[in-house]
Amino acid sequence: MLVIRIGRLGDTVLATPIIEPLRQVFGPEVKIDFAVSPGASKVILTLDQRVNQVFPISHRRVPWRINPDKRALRRHSRSMPYDLVINLECGGQCDDFVEFVHSREFCGRPLNQTRHIPGRHCVDTEKTIYAGVLGLEAAPAADPSLDILPQPDIQPVETARNYVIVNPGFSGLQKKDYRSHRNWPIEHWVELIELLSRRSDLDIVVNGTEQERHRFETLLDMPGVYSLFGSSLQTLVGALQKATSVISVDTGTVHLAMALGTPVIALFGPSIPGLTGPYSSAVPYRVLSSGIDCQPCYQTSIYKQCVFNRCMHTLKPELVYQAVESIHAANLFRLNHNGGADCE
């Protein structure tokens, strides 16, 4: 089996609900390969015990005849044709896969047109692609998930106490486009960490890339704060597996944490939570937004004209802290009573 979903880390994690339906229909020993973006997407799926092989595809718009990554996948499929290929892309960037991947059955674009519908999460849209092939009863209950073994040789966080991971950064932070509009002001992060520090049972760990360190140095200088800046993806996974919860702006770390079973508080500004927000029936989460009249504005004329992300500035730290208290209480109740998710 081959699954095609070539995007950022969050896109890749949101494509993982297909794994369990495949295992349910074809058996737990089914070999599942993925064609994904190089980098974080490749690394995270390589760590998943249920995934057989990962093919990193650079420059997905480049035709297969002149794309070495696509030609490598073609050679592999020619020697071992796939029983089933499922293209989870809603756009046409991967339509040429049907031309060069050898398979007995192909599902998705360009054979079947798929489009996003307002009010429907992208995970549910992707489920419509394979529900007919795998059976309607197999797909609806599946959530994003990652089956990654704890790595005992990695000590991701020095603290032995419970800790919450704070994730203020995101891809494209330096760009002056819609991605930068997801930024929560640094003074809000400072106030939130001060509120969290009042809890005697909780430490704070701040995550980010090495390139983002200078932007958030103020947070790292605060008492009792631990740093994950510059850590490997494997180290981040280990830290997320052990964290009490994660507080993050809208980025791939939200979906990574949820897929690992860690409760999340997600801060949303211009983007649409109902389309790309947290998705789980089993892991507690909260989606927070300021609720101003122009929100969400992604892919509208308002978002294109926005020069000041008022939606994120008016989202108050006290509201986020209250969500942390609530999510911890909900998660404790869930663990003690084997209940379901407590979601908003």
C-alpha atoms as a PDB file:
ATOM      1  CA  MET A   1       0.000   0.000   0.000  1.00  0.00           C
ATOM      2  CA  LEU A   2       1.222   3.513  -0.786  1.00  0.00           C
ATOM      3  CA  VAL A   3      -0.198   6.708   0.722  1.00  0.00           C
ATOM      4  CA  ILE A   4       0.620  10.051  -0.917  1.00  0.00           C
ATOM      5  CA  ARG A   5       0.508  13.197   1.229  1.00  0.00           C
ATOM      6  CA  ILE A   6       3.290  15.687   0.550  1.00  0.00           C
ATOM      7  CA  GLY A   7       3.137  18.666   2.893  1.00  0.00           C
ATOM      8  CA  ARG A   8       4.458  20.082   6.130  1.00  0.00           C
ATOM      9  CA  LEU A   9       4.718  18.125   9.362  1.00  0.00           C
ATOM     10  CA  GLY A  10       1.160  18.957  10.434  1.00  0.00           C
ATOM     11  CA  ASP A  11      -0.235  17.836   7.072  1.00  0.00           C
ATOM     12  CA  THR A  12       1.620  14.546   7.409  1.00  0.00           C
ATOM     13  CA  VAL A  13       0.381  13.857  10.932  1.00  0.00           C
ATOM     14  CA  LEU A  14      -3.188  14.690   9.898  1.00  0.00           C
ATOM     15  CA  ALA A  15      -2.888  12.023   7.185  1.00  0.00           C
ATOM     16  CA  THR A  16      -2.134   9.227   9.690  1.00  0.00           C
ATOM     17  CA  PRO A  17      -5.826   8.315  10.355  1.00  0.00           C
ATOM     18  CA  ILE A  18      -5.566   6.195   7.211  1.00  0.00           C
ATOM     19  CA  ILE A  19      -3.129   3.758   8.862  1.00  0.00           C
ATOM     20  CA  GLU A  20      -5.507   1.969  11.213  1.00  0.00           C
ATOM     21  CA  PRO A  21      -8.284   1.477   8.617  1.00  0.00           C
ATOM     22  CA  LEU A  22      -5.678  -0.065   6.304  1.00  0.00           C
ATOM     23  CA  ARG A  23      -4.560  -2.396   9.081  1.00  0.00           C
ATOM     24  CA  GLN A  24      -8.173  -3.186   9.948  1.00  0.00           C
ATOM     25  CA  VAL A  25      -9.096  -4.123   6.372  1.00  0.00           C
ATOM     26  CA  PHE A  26      -5.879  -5.827   5.225  1.00  0.00           C
ATOM     27  CA  GLY A  27      -4.525  -7.099   8.543  1.00  0.00           C
ATOM     28  CA  PRO A  28      -1.907  -5.790  11.008  1.00  0.00           C
ATOM     29  CA  GLU A  29       0.964  -7.145   8.878  1.00  0.00           C
ATOM     30  CA  VAL A  30       0.058  -5.029   5.846  1.00  0.00           C
ATOM     31  CA  LYS A  31       3.009  -3.060   4.498  1.00  0.00           C
ATOM     32  CA  ILE A  32       2.198   0.648   4.350  1.00  0.00           C
ATOM     33  CA  ASP A  33       4.528   3.033   2.526  1.00  0.00           C
ATOM     34  CA  PHE A  34       4.225   6.826   2.448  1.00  0.00           C
ATOM     35  CA  ALA A  35       5.316   9.429  -0.104  1.00  0.00           C
ATOM     36  CA  VAL A  36       5.910  12.622   1.898  1.00  0.00           C
ATOM     37  CA  SER A  37       8.016  15.756   2.029  1.00  0.00           C
ATOM     38  CA  PRO A  38      11.662  15.387   3.038  1.00  0.00           C
ATOM     39  CA  GLY A  39      12.719  16.609   6.463  1.00  0.00           C
ATOM     40  CA  ALA A  40      10.410  16.416   9.474  1.00  0.00           C
ATOM     41  CA  SER A  41       7.622  14.565   7.666  1.00  0.00           C
ATOM     42  CA  LYS A  42      10.013  11.810   6.591  1.00  0.00           C
ATOM     43  CA  VAL A  43      11.603  11.552  10.049  1.00  0.00           C
ATOM     44  CA  ILE A  44       8.326  11.293  11.962  1.00  0.00           C
ATOM     45  CA  LEU A  45       6.876   8.547   9.766  1.00  0.00           C
ATOM     46  CA  THR A  46      10.172   6.641   9.779  1.00  0.00           C
ATOM     47  CA  LEU A  47       9.815   6.461  13.576  1.00  0.00           C
ATOM     48  CA  ASP A  48       6.278   5.026  13.359  1.00  0.00           C
ATOM     49  CA  GLN A  49       6.384   1.247  13.836  1.00  0.00           C
ATOM     50  CA  ARG A  50       3.395   0.720  11.540  1.00  0.00           C
ATOM     51  CA  VAL A  51       5.024   2.336   8.500  1.00  0.00           C
ATOM     52  CA  ASN A  52       7.111   0.112   6.236  1.00  0.00           C
ATOM     53  CA  GLN A  53       8.993   2.602   4.058  1.00  0.00           C
ATOM     54  CA  VAL A  54       9.007   6.362   3.511  1.00  0.00           C
ATOM     55  CA  PHE A  55       9.767   7.978   0.152  1.00  0.00           C
ATOM     56  CA  PRO A  56      10.765  11.667   0.454  1.00  0.00           C
ATOM     57  CA  ILE A  57       9.575  13.631  -2.572  1.00  0.00           C
ATOM     58  CA  SER A  58      11.217  16.992  -3.224  1.00  0.00           C
ATOM     59  CA  HIS A  59       9.746  19.457  -5.719  1.00  0.00           C
ATOM     60  CA  ARG A  60       6.424  17.678  -6.068  1.00  0.00           C
ATOM     61  CA  ARG A  61       5.366  19.949  -8.936  1.00  0.00           C
ATOM     62  CA  VAL A  62       8.288  18.780 -11.096  1.00  0.00           C
ATOM     63  CA  PRO A  63       7.170  16.093 -13.597  1.00  0.00           C
ATOM     64  CA  TRP A  64       8.237  12.576 -12.746  1.00  0.00           C
ATOM     65  CA  ARG A  65      10.442  12.156 -15.821  1.00  0.00           C
ATOM     66  CA  ILE A  66      12.879  14.807 -14.528  1.00  0.00           C
ATOM     67  CA  ASN A  67      12.343  14.341 -10.761  1.00  0.00           C
ATOM     68  CA  PRO A  68      14.876  11.870  -9.288  1.00  0.00           C
ATOM     69  CA  ASP A  69      12.745  11.231  -6.174  1.00  0.00           C
ATOM     70  CA  LYS A  70       9.704  10.307  -8.235  1.00  0.00           C
ATOM     71  CA  ARG A  71      11.815   8.135 -10.532  1.00  0.00           C
ATOM     72  CA  ALA A  72      13.182   6.250  -7.502  1.00  0.00           C
ATOM     73  CA  LEU A  73       9.625   5.532  -6.359  1.00  0.00           C
ATOM     74  CA  ARG A  74       8.752   4.439  -9.900  1.00  0.00           C
ATOM     75  CA  ARG A  75      11.618   1.929  -9.933  1.00  0.00           C
ATOM     76  CA  HIS A  76      10.545   0.567  -6.558  1.00  0.00           C
ATOM     77  CA  SER A  77       6.917   0.159  -7.618  1.00  0.00           C
ATOM     78  CA  ARG A  78       7.910  -1.440 -10.905  1.00  0.00           C
ATOM     79  CA  SER A  79       9.815  -4.180  -9.073  1.00  0.00           C
ATOM     80  CA  MET A  80       7.118  -4.491  -6.390  1.00  0.00           C
ATOM     81  CA  PRO A  81       3.771  -3.132  -7.686  1.00  0.00           C
ATOM     82  CA  TYR A  82       1.433  -1.789  -5.032  1.00  0.00           C
ATOM     83  CA  ASP A  83      -1.926  -3.436  -4.448  1.00  0.00           C
ATOM     84  CA  LEU A  84      -3.382  -0.023  -3.657  1.00  0.00           C
ATOM     85  CA  VAL A  85      -2.225   3.597  -3.959  1.00  0.00           C
ATOM     86  CA  ILE A  86      -4.202   6.302  -2.165  1.00  0.00           C
ATOM     87  CA  ASN A  87      -3.561   9.935  -3.095  1.00  0.00           C
ATOM     88  CA  LEU A  88      -4.722  12.136  -0.212  1.00  0.00           C
ATOM     89  CA  GLU A  89      -3.900  15.390  -2.002  1.00  0.00           C
ATOM     90  CA  CYS A  90      -6.850  17.670  -2.740  1.00  0.00           C
ATOM     91  CA  GLY A  91      -4.806  19.817  -5.132  1.00  0.00           C
ATOM     92  CA  GLY A  92      -3.376  18.740  -8.460  1.00  0.00           C
ATOM     93  CA  GLN A  93       0.336  18.844  -7.528  1.00  0.00           C
ATOM     94  CA  CYS A  94       0.557  15.046  -7.273  1.00  0.00           C
ATOM     95  CA  ASP A  95      -1.753  14.065 -10.130  1.00  0.00           C
ATOM     96  CA  ASP A  96       1.183  12.645 -12.091  1.00  0.00           C
ATOM     97  CA  PHE A  97       1.680   9.850  -9.531  1.00  0.00           C
ATOM     98  CA  VAL A  98      -1.031   7.905 -11.327  1.00  0.00           C
ATOM     99  CA  GLU A  99       1.198   7.914 -14.438  1.00  0.00           C
ATOM    100  CA  PHE A 100       4.412   6.491 -12.976  1.00  0.00           C
ATOM    101  CA  VAL A 101       3.569   4.475  -9.829  1.00  0.00           C
ATOM    102  CA  HIS A 102       2.838   0.848 -10.689  1.00  0.00           C
ATOM    103  CA  SER A 103      -0.262  -0.376  -8.855  1.00  0.00           C
ATOM    104  CA  ARG A 104      -3.271  -2.647  -9.200  1.00  0.00           C
ATOM    105  CA  GLU A 105      -5.640   0.019  -7.898  1.00  0.00           C
ATOM    106  CA  PHE A 106      -5.338   3.798  -7.580  1.00  0.00           C
ATOM    107  CA  CYS A 107      -7.624   5.936  -5.401  1.00  0.00           C
ATOM    108  CA  GLY A 108      -7.898   9.721  -5.316  1.00  0.00           C
ATOM    109  CA  ARG A 109      -6.924  12.481  -7.722  1.00  0.00           C
ATOM    110  CA  PRO A 110      -6.867  12.671 -10.672  1.00  0.00           C
ATOM    111  CA  LEU A 111      -9.267   9.720 -10.992  1.00  0.00           C
ATOM    112  CA  ASN A 112     -11.581  11.117  -8.302  1.00  0.00           C
ATOM    113  CA  GLN A 113     -11.883  14.846  -7.660  1.00  0.00           C
ATOM    114  CA  THR A 114     -11.762  15.912  -4.011  1.00  0.00           C
ATOM    115  CA  ARG A 115     -12.339  19.358  -2.577  1.00  0.00           C
ATOM    116  CA  HIS A 116     -12.572  21.007   0.797  1.00  0.00           C
ATOM    117  CA  ILE A 117     -16.063  21.911   1.965  1.00  0.00           C
ATOM    118  CA  PRO A 118     -16.623  24.833   4.382  1.00  0.00           C
ATOM    119  CA  GLY A 119     -17.151  23.524   7.898  1.00  0.00           C
ATOM    120  CA  ARG A 120     -15.522  20.159   7.209  1.00  0.00           C
ATOM    121  CA  HIS A 121     -12.145  19.308   8.745  1.00  0.00           C
ATOM    122  CA  CYS A 122      -9.405  18.369   6.290  1.00  0.00           C
ATOM    123  CA  VAL A 123      -9.117  14.959   8.011  1.00  0.00           C
ATOM    124  CA  ASP A 124     -12.776  14.266   7.233  1.00  0.00           C
ATOM    125  CA  THR A 125     -12.212  15.390   3.650  1.00  0.00           C
ATOM    126  CA  GLU A 126      -9.321  12.949   3.299  1.00  0.00           C
ATOM    127  CA  LYS A 127     -11.485  10.172   4.759  1.00  0.00           C
ATOM    128  CA  THR A 128     -13.959  10.624   1.904  1.00  0.00           C
ATOM    129  CA  ILE A 129     -11.150   9.680  -0.495  1.00  0.00           C
ATOM    130  CA  TYR A 130     -10.598   6.213   0.928  1.00  0.00           C
ATOM    131  CA  ALA A 131     -13.865   5.432   2.732  1.00  0.00           C
ATOM    132  CA  GLY A 132     -15.351   3.828  -0.378  1.00  0.00           C
ATOM    133  CA  VAL A 133     -12.297   1.621  -0.950  1.00  0.00           C
ATOM    134  CA  LEU A 134     -11.720   0.561   2.655  1.00  0.00           C
ATOM    135  CA  GLY A 135     -15.357   0.509   3.725  1.00  0.00           C
ATOM    136  CA  LEU A 136     -17.353   3.262   5.402  1.00  0.00           C
ATOM    137  CA  GLU A 137     -17.258   1.441   8.747  1.00  0.00           C
ATOM    138  CA  ALA A 138     -13.438   1.498   8.881  1.00  0.00           C
ATOM    139  CA  ALA A 139     -12.745   5.178   8.314  1.00  0.00           C
ATOM    140  CA  PRO A 140     -14.957   7.467  10.440  1.00  0.00           C
ATOM    141  CA  ALA A 141     -13.581   6.616  13.895  1.00  0.00           C
ATOM    142  CA  ALA A 142      -9.900   6.901  12.985  1.00  0.00           C
ATOM    143  CA  ASP A 143      -7.865   9.701  14.584  1.00  0.00           C
ATOM    144  CA  PRO A 144      -4.373  10.997  13.824  1.00  0.00           C
ATOM    145  CA  SER A 145      -1.936   8.763  15.666  1.00  0.00           C
ATOM    146  CA  LEU A 146       1.746   7.877  15.850  1.00  0.00           C
ATOM    147  CA  ASP A 147       3.052   4.583  17.165  1.00  0.00           C
ATOM    148  CA  ILE A 148       6.533   5.577  18.290  1.00  0.00           C
ATOM    149  CA  LEU A 149       8.435   3.699  20.983  1.00  0.00           C
ATOM    150  CA  PRO A 150       9.884   5.749  23.863  1.00  0.00           C
ATOM    151  CA  GLN A 151      13.593   6.239  23.324  1.00  0.00           C
ATOM    152  CA  PRO A 152      15.249   5.660  26.698  1.00  0.00           C
ATOM    153  CA  ASP A 153      18.672   6.849  25.521  1.00  0.00           C
ATOM    154  CA  ILE A 154      17.256  10.348  24.977  1.00  0.00           C
ATOM    155  CA  GLN A 155      16.803  12.579  28.010  1.00  0.00           C
ATOM    156  CA  PRO A 156      14.663  15.340  26.496  1.00  0.00           C
ATOM    157  CA  VAL A 157      14.042  17.387  29.645  1.00  0.00           C
ATOM    158  CA  GLU A 158      16.176  17.669  32.770  1.00  0.00           C
ATOM    159  CA  THR A 159      13.283  18.127  35.183  1.00  0.00           C
ATOM    160  CA  ALA A 160      11.880  15.067  36.929  1.00  0.00           C
ATOM    161  CA  ARG A 161       8.604  16.839  37.718  1.00  0.00           C
ATOM    162  CA  ASN A 162       5.497  17.192  35.590  1.00  0.00           C
ATOM    163  CA  TYR A 163       5.981  19.788  32.878  1.00  0.00           C
ATOM    164  CA  VAL A 164       4.022  21.661  30.240  1.00  0.00           C
ATOM    165  CA  ILE A 165       5.603  22.407  26.871  1.00  0.00           C
ATOM    166  CA  VAL A 166       5.196  25.936  25.525  1.00  0.00           C
ATOM    167  CA  ASN A 167       5.612  26.271  21.739  1.00  0.00           C
ATOM    168  CA  PRO A 168       5.626  29.946  20.643  1.00  0.00           C
ATOM    169  CA  GLY A 169       7.253  29.498  17.213  1.00  0.00           C
ATOM    170  CA  PHE A 170       6.035  28.233  13.859  1.00  0.00           C
ATOM    171  CA  SER A 171       7.203  27.805  10.283  1.00  0.00           C
ATOM    172  CA  GLY A 172       7.515  31.068   8.409  1.00  0.00           C
ATOM    173  CA  LEU A 173       7.811  33.170  11.567  1.00  0.00           C
ATOM    174  CA  GLN A 174      10.129  35.591   9.786  1.00  0.00           C
ATOM    175  CA  LYS A 175       7.829  36.026   6.778  1.00  0.00           C
ATOM    176  CA  LYS A 176       5.521  38.996   6.425  1.00  0.00           C
ATOM    177  CA  ASP A 177       2.564  36.989   5.194  1.00  0.00           C
ATOM    178  CA  TYR A 178      -0.320  35.088   6.792  1.00  0.00           C
ATOM    179  CA  ARG A 179       2.111  32.811   8.668  1.00  0.00           C
ATOM    180  CA  SER A 180       3.438  35.712  10.710  1.00  0.00           C
ATOM    181  CA  HIS A 181      -0.141  36.580  11.673  1.00  0.00           C
ATOM    182  CA  ARG A 182      -0.200  33.459  13.880  1.00  0.00           C
ATOM    183  CA  ASN A 183       2.306  35.051  16.254  1.00  0.00           C
ATOM    184  CA  TRP A 184       1.219  35.524  19.898  1.00  0.00           C
ATOM    185  CA  PRO A 185       2.984  38.560  21.420  1.00  0.00           C
ATOM    186  CA  ILE A 186       6.091  37.831  23.478  1.00  0.00           C
ATOM    187  CA  GLU A 187       4.682  39.781  26.427  1.00  0.00           C
ATOM    188  CA  HIS A 188       1.695  37.411  26.469  1.00  0.00           C
ATOM    189  CA  TRP A 189       4.026  34.406  26.643  1.00  0.00           C
ATOM    190  CA  VAL A 190       5.906  36.054  29.525  1.00  0.00           C
ATOM    191  CA  GLU A 191       2.685  36.650  31.446  1.00  0.00           C
ATOM    192  CA  LEU A 192       1.490  33.098  30.799  1.00  0.00           C
ATOM    193  CA  ILE A 193       4.750  31.597  32.056  1.00  0.00           C
ATOM    194  CA  GLU A 194       4.528  33.770  35.164  1.00  0.00           C
ATOM    195  CA  LEU A 195       1.043  32.390  35.806  1.00  0.00           C
ATOM    196  CA  LEU A 196       2.175  28.809  35.199  1.00  0.00           C
ATOM    197  CA  SER A 197       5.141  29.294  37.531  1.00  0.00           C
ATOM    198  CA  ARG A 198       2.767  29.791  40.439  1.00  0.00           C
ATOM    199  CA  ARG A 199       1.872  26.107  40.277  1.00  0.00           C
ATOM    200  CA  SER A 200       4.136  24.136  42.573  1.00  0.00           C
ATOM    201  CA  ASP A 201       3.516  20.887  40.668  1.00  0.00           C
ATOM    202  CA  LEU A 202       4.501  22.039  37.190  1.00  0.00           C
ATOM    203  CA  ASP A 203       7.642  23.046  35.329  1.00  0.00           C
ATOM    204  CA  ILE A 204       7.760  24.889  32.003  1.00  0.00           C
ATOM    205  CA  VAL A 205       9.655  23.760  28.896  1.00  0.00           C
ATOM    206  CA  VAL A 206       9.934  26.094  25.889  1.00  0.00           C
ATOM    207  CA  ASN A 207      10.322  24.535  22.446  1.00  0.00           C
ATOM    208  CA  GLY A 208      11.617  26.033  19.239  1.00  0.00           C
ATOM    209  CA  THR A 209      14.189  25.817  16.483  1.00  0.00           C
ATOM    210  CA  GLU A 210      17.719  27.117  16.871  1.00  0.00           C
ATOM    211  CA  GLN A 211      16.860  29.920  14.417  1.00  0.00           C
ATOM    212  CA  GLU A 212      14.013  31.065  16.680  1.00  0.00           C
ATOM    213  CA  ARG A 213      16.073  31.157  19.888  1.00  0.00           C
ATOM    214  CA  HIS A 214      16.952  34.852  19.663  1.00  0.00           C
ATOM    215  CA  ARG A 215      13.275  35.813  19.365  1.00  0.00           C
ATOM    216  CA  PHE A 216      12.335  34.025  22.577  1.00  0.00           C
ATOM    217  CA  GLU A 217      15.462  34.540  24.688  1.00  0.00           C
ATOM    218  CA  THR A 218      13.332  36.488  27.170  1.00  0.00           C
ATOM    219  CA  LEU A 219      11.349  33.335  27.952  1.00  0.00           C
ATOM    220  CA  LEU A 220      14.466  31.221  28.424  1.00  0.00           C
ATOM    221  CA  ASP A 221      15.842  33.734  30.920  1.00  0.00           C
ATOM    222  CA  MET A 222      12.813  33.338  33.192  1.00  0.00           C
ATOM    223  CA  PRO A 223      13.302  31.327  36.421  1.00  0.00           C
ATOM    224  CA  GLY A 224      12.488  27.623  36.277  1.00  0.00           C
ATOM    225  CA  VAL A 225      12.201  27.459  32.481  1.00  0.00           C
ATOM    226  CA  TYR A 226      13.835  24.617  30.557  1.00  0.00           C
ATOM    227  CA  SER A 227      14.796  24.814  26.888  1.00  0.00           C
ATOM    228  CA  LEU A 228      14.240  22.473  23.953  1.00  0.00           C
ATOM    229  CA  PHE A 229      15.547  24.977  21.394  1.00  0.00           C
ATOM    230  CA  GLY A 230      17.633  23.343  18.718  1.00  0.00           C
ATOM    231  CA  SER A 231      16.678  19.805  19.772  1.00  0.00           C
ATOM    232  CA  SER A 232      16.188  17.009  17.258  1.00  0.00           C
ATOM    233  CA  LEU A 233      12.718  15.891  16.244  1.00  0.00           C
ATOM    234  CA  GLN A 234      13.337  12.621  18.111  1.00  0.00           C
ATOM    235  CA  THR A 235      14.071  14.582  21.282  1.00  0.00           C
ATOM    236  CA  LEU A 236      10.918  16.668  20.836  1.00  0.00           C
ATOM    237  CA  VAL A 237       8.885  13.475  20.390  1.00  0.00           C
ATOM    238  CA  GLY A 238      10.326  12.084  23.625  1.00  0.00           C
ATOM    239  CA  ALA A 239       9.503  15.307  25.447  1.00  0.00           C
ATOM    240  CA  LEU A 240       5.960  15.415  24.066  1.00  0.00           C
ATOM    241  CA  GLN A 241       5.343  11.808  25.104  1.00  0.00           C
ATOM    242  CA  LYS A 242       6.105  12.691  28.720  1.00  0.00           C
ATOM    243  CA  ALA A 243       4.562  16.180  28.872  1.00  0.00           C
ATOM    244  CA  THR A 244       1.436  16.922  30.875  1.00  0.00           C
ATOM    245  CA  SER A 245       0.159  19.209  28.107  1.00  0.00           C
ATOM    246  CA  VAL A 246       1.278  21.452  25.254  1.00  0.00           C
ATOM    247  CA  ILE A 247       0.438  25.117  24.683  1.00  0.00           C
ATOM    248  CA  SER A 248       1.085  26.170  21.108  1.00  0.00           C
ATOM    249  CA  VAL A 249       0.165  28.530  18.336  1.00  0.00           C
ATOM    250  CA  ASP A 250      -1.276  26.982  15.172  1.00  0.00           C
ATOM    251  CA  THR A 251       1.569  24.807  13.881  1.00  0.00           C
ATOM    252  CA  GLY A 252       2.637  21.211  13.349  1.00  0.00           C
ATOM    253  CA  THR A 253       3.581  20.734  17.010  1.00  0.00           C
ATOM    254  CA  VAL A 254      -0.143  20.813  17.863  1.00  0.00           C
ATOM    255  CA  HIS A 255      -0.876  17.815  15.658  1.00  0.00           C
ATOM    256  CA  LEU A 256       2.314  16.005  16.665  1.00  0.00           C
ATOM    257  CA  ALA A 257       1.379  16.252  20.353  1.00  0.00           C
ATOM    258  CA  MET A 258      -2.201  15.131  19.752  1.00  0.00           C
ATOM    259  CA  ALA A 259      -1.064  12.120  17.706  1.00  0.00           C
ATOM    260  CA  LEU A 260       1.209  11.126  20.588  1.00  0.00           C
ATOM    261  CA  GLY A 261      -1.706  11.337  23.040  1.00  0.00           C
ATOM    262  CA  THR A 262      -0.686  14.585  24.776  1.00  0.00           C
ATOM    263  CA  PRO A 263      -3.430  17.145  25.616  1.00  0.00           C
ATOM    264  CA  VAL A 264      -3.177  20.441  23.747  1.00  0.00           C
ATOM    265  CA  ILE A 265      -4.203  24.071  24.158  1.00  0.00           C
ATOM    266  CA  ALA A 266      -4.073  25.572  20.645  1.00  0.00           C
ATOM    267  CA  LEU A 267      -4.052  29.338  20.077  1.00  0.00           C
ATOM    268  CA  PHE A 268      -5.738  30.278  16.805  1.00  0.00           C
ATOM    269  CA  GLY A 269      -5.736  33.612  15.006  1.00  0.00           C
ATOM    270  CA  PRO A 270      -6.406  33.979  11.268  1.00  0.00           C
ATOM    271  CA  SER A 271      -6.612  30.279  10.382  1.00  0.00           C
ATOM    272  CA  ILE A 272      -9.713  28.092  10.621  1.00  0.00           C
ATOM    273  CA  PRO A 273      -9.799  25.594  13.524  1.00  0.00           C
ATOM    274  CA  GLY A 274     -12.640  23.646  11.936  1.00  0.00           C
ATOM    275  CA  LEU A 275     -10.456  22.998   8.881  1.00  0.00           C
ATOM    276  CA  THR A 276      -6.939  22.465  10.246  1.00  0.00           C
ATOM    277  CA  GLY A 277      -7.284  22.507  14.043  1.00  0.00           C
ATOM    278  CA  PRO A 278      -6.774  19.662  16.544  1.00  0.00           C
ATOM    279  CA  TYR A 279      -8.628  16.485  15.662  1.00  0.00           C
ATOM    280  CA  SER A 280      -9.235  13.703  18.185  1.00  0.00           C
ATOM    281  CA  SER A 281     -12.026  11.767  19.824  1.00  0.00           C
ATOM    282  CA  ALA A 282      -9.765  10.512  22.617  1.00  0.00           C
ATOM    283  CA  VAL A 283      -7.225  13.210  23.566  1.00  0.00           C
ATOM    284  CA  PRO A 284      -8.381  16.311  25.489  1.00  0.00           C
ATOM    285  CA  TYR A 285      -7.794  19.641  23.784  1.00  0.00           C
ATOM    286  CA  ARG A 286      -8.891  23.265  23.785  1.00  0.00           C
ATOM    287  CA  VAL A 287      -8.972  25.628  20.826  1.00  0.00           C
ATOM    288  CA  LEU A 288      -8.724  29.249  21.952  1.00  0.00           C
ATOM    289  CA  SER A 289      -9.353  32.379  19.919  1.00  0.00           C
ATOM    290  CA  SER A 290     -10.187  35.968  20.748  1.00  0.00           C
ATOM    291  CA  GLY A 291     -13.435  35.844  18.757  1.00  0.00           C
ATOM    292  CA  ILE A 292     -13.172  39.293  17.199  1.00  0.00           C
ATOM    293  CA  ASP A 293     -15.515  40.022  14.313  1.00  0.00           C
ATOM    294  CA  CYS A 294     -12.961  39.537  11.502  1.00  0.00           C
ATOM    295  CA  GLN A 295     -11.756  36.136  12.732  1.00  0.00           C
ATOM    296  CA  PRO A 296     -10.961  33.761  11.079  1.00  0.00           C
ATOM    297  CA  CYS A 297      -9.769  35.641   8.030  1.00  0.00           C
ATOM    298  CA  TYR A 298      -7.532  33.116   6.257  1.00  0.00           C
ATOM    299  CA  GLN A 299      -7.855  33.283   2.450  1.00  0.00           C
ATOM    300  CA  THR A 300     -10.082  36.363   2.580  1.00  0.00           C
ATOM    301  CA  SER A 301      -9.474  39.948   1.538  1.00  0.00           C
ATOM    302  CA  ILE A 302      -9.306  40.920   5.211  1.00  0.00           C
ATOM    303  CA  TYR A 303      -6.370  38.608   5.857  1.00  0.00           C
ATOM    304  CA  LYS A 304      -4.515  39.920   2.819  1.00  0.00           C
ATOM    305  CA  GLN A 305      -4.916  43.498   4.051  1.00  0.00           C
ATOM    306  CA  CYS A 306      -4.117  42.794   7.708  1.00  0.00           C
ATOM    307  CA  VAL A 307      -0.970  44.527   8.982  1.00  0.00           C
ATOM    308  CA  PHE A 308      -1.586  43.928  12.692  1.00  0.00           C
ATOM    309  CA  ASN A 309      -2.821  40.581  13.988  1.00  0.00           C
ATOM    310  CA  ARG A 310      -5.334  41.998  16.445  1.00  0.00           C
ATOM    311  CA  CYS A 311      -6.899  38.564  16.820  1.00  0.00           C
ATOM    312  CA  MET A 312      -3.784  37.227  18.528  1.00  0.00           C
ATOM    313  CA  HIS A 313      -3.050  40.353  20.566  1.00  0.00           C
ATOM    314  CA  THR A 314      -6.536  40.323  22.107  1.00  0.00           C
ATOM    315  CA  LEU A 315      -6.256  36.663  23.178  1.00  0.00           C
ATOM    316  CA  LYS A 316      -5.403  37.106  26.863  1.00  0.00           C
ATOM    317  CA  PRO A 317      -2.887  35.002  28.842  1.00  0.00           C
ATOM    318  CA  GLU A 318      -5.360  34.571  31.711  1.00  0.00           C
ATOM    319  CA  LEU A 319      -7.775  32.796  29.358  1.00  0.00           C
ATOM    320  CA  VAL A 320      -4.985  30.464  28.241  1.00  0.00           C
ATOM    321  CA  TYR A 321      -4.010  29.737  31.830  1.00  0.00           C
ATOM    322  CA  GLN A 322      -7.605  28.879  32.705  1.00  0.00           C
ATOM    323  CA  ALA A 323      -7.617  26.434  29.784  1.00  0.00           C
ATOM    324  CA  VAL A 324      -4.457  24.802  31.151  1.00  0.00           C
ATOM    325  CA  GLU A 325      -6.147  24.314  34.522  1.00  0.00           C
ATOM    326  CA  SER A 326      -9.230  22.889  32.824  1.00  0.00           C
ATOM    327  CA  ILE A 327      -7.330  20.569  30.485  1.00  0.00           C
ATOM    328  CA  HIS A 328      -5.257  19.160  33.336  1.00  0.00           C
ATOM    329  CA  ALA A 329      -8.383  18.470  35.374  1.00  0.00           C
ATOM    330  CA  ALA A 330     -10.101  16.869  32.365  1.00  0.00           C
ATOM    331  CA  ASN A 331      -7.078  14.719  31.571  1.00  0.00           C
ATOM    332  CA  LEU A 332      -6.766  13.547  35.180  1.00  0.00           C
ATOM    333  CA  PHE A 333     -10.452  12.597  35.179  1.00  0.00           C
ATOM    334  CA  ARG A 334     -10.038  10.781  31.858  1.00  0.00           C
ATOM    335  CA  LEU A 335      -7.049   8.785  33.074  1.00  0.00           C
ATOM    336  CA  ASN A 336      -8.768   7.852  36.315  1.00  0.00           C
ATOM    337  CA  HIS A 337     -12.075   6.873  34.704  1.00  0.00           C
ATOM    338  CA  ASN A 338     -10.988   5.732  31.210  1.00  0.00           C
ATOM    339  CA  GLY A 339     -13.280   8.355  29.697  1.00  0.00           C
ATOM    340  CA  GLY A 340     -13.154   9.958  26.286  1.00  0.00           C
ATOM    341  CA  ALA A 341     -11.846  13.269  25.116  1.00  0.00           C
ATOM    342  CA  ASP A 342     -12.973  16.577  26.555  1.00  0.00           C
ATOM    343  CA  CYS A 343     -12.880  18.789  23.509  1.00  0.00           C
ATOM    344  CA  GLU A 344     -13.975  22.130  22.231  1.00  0.00           C
END
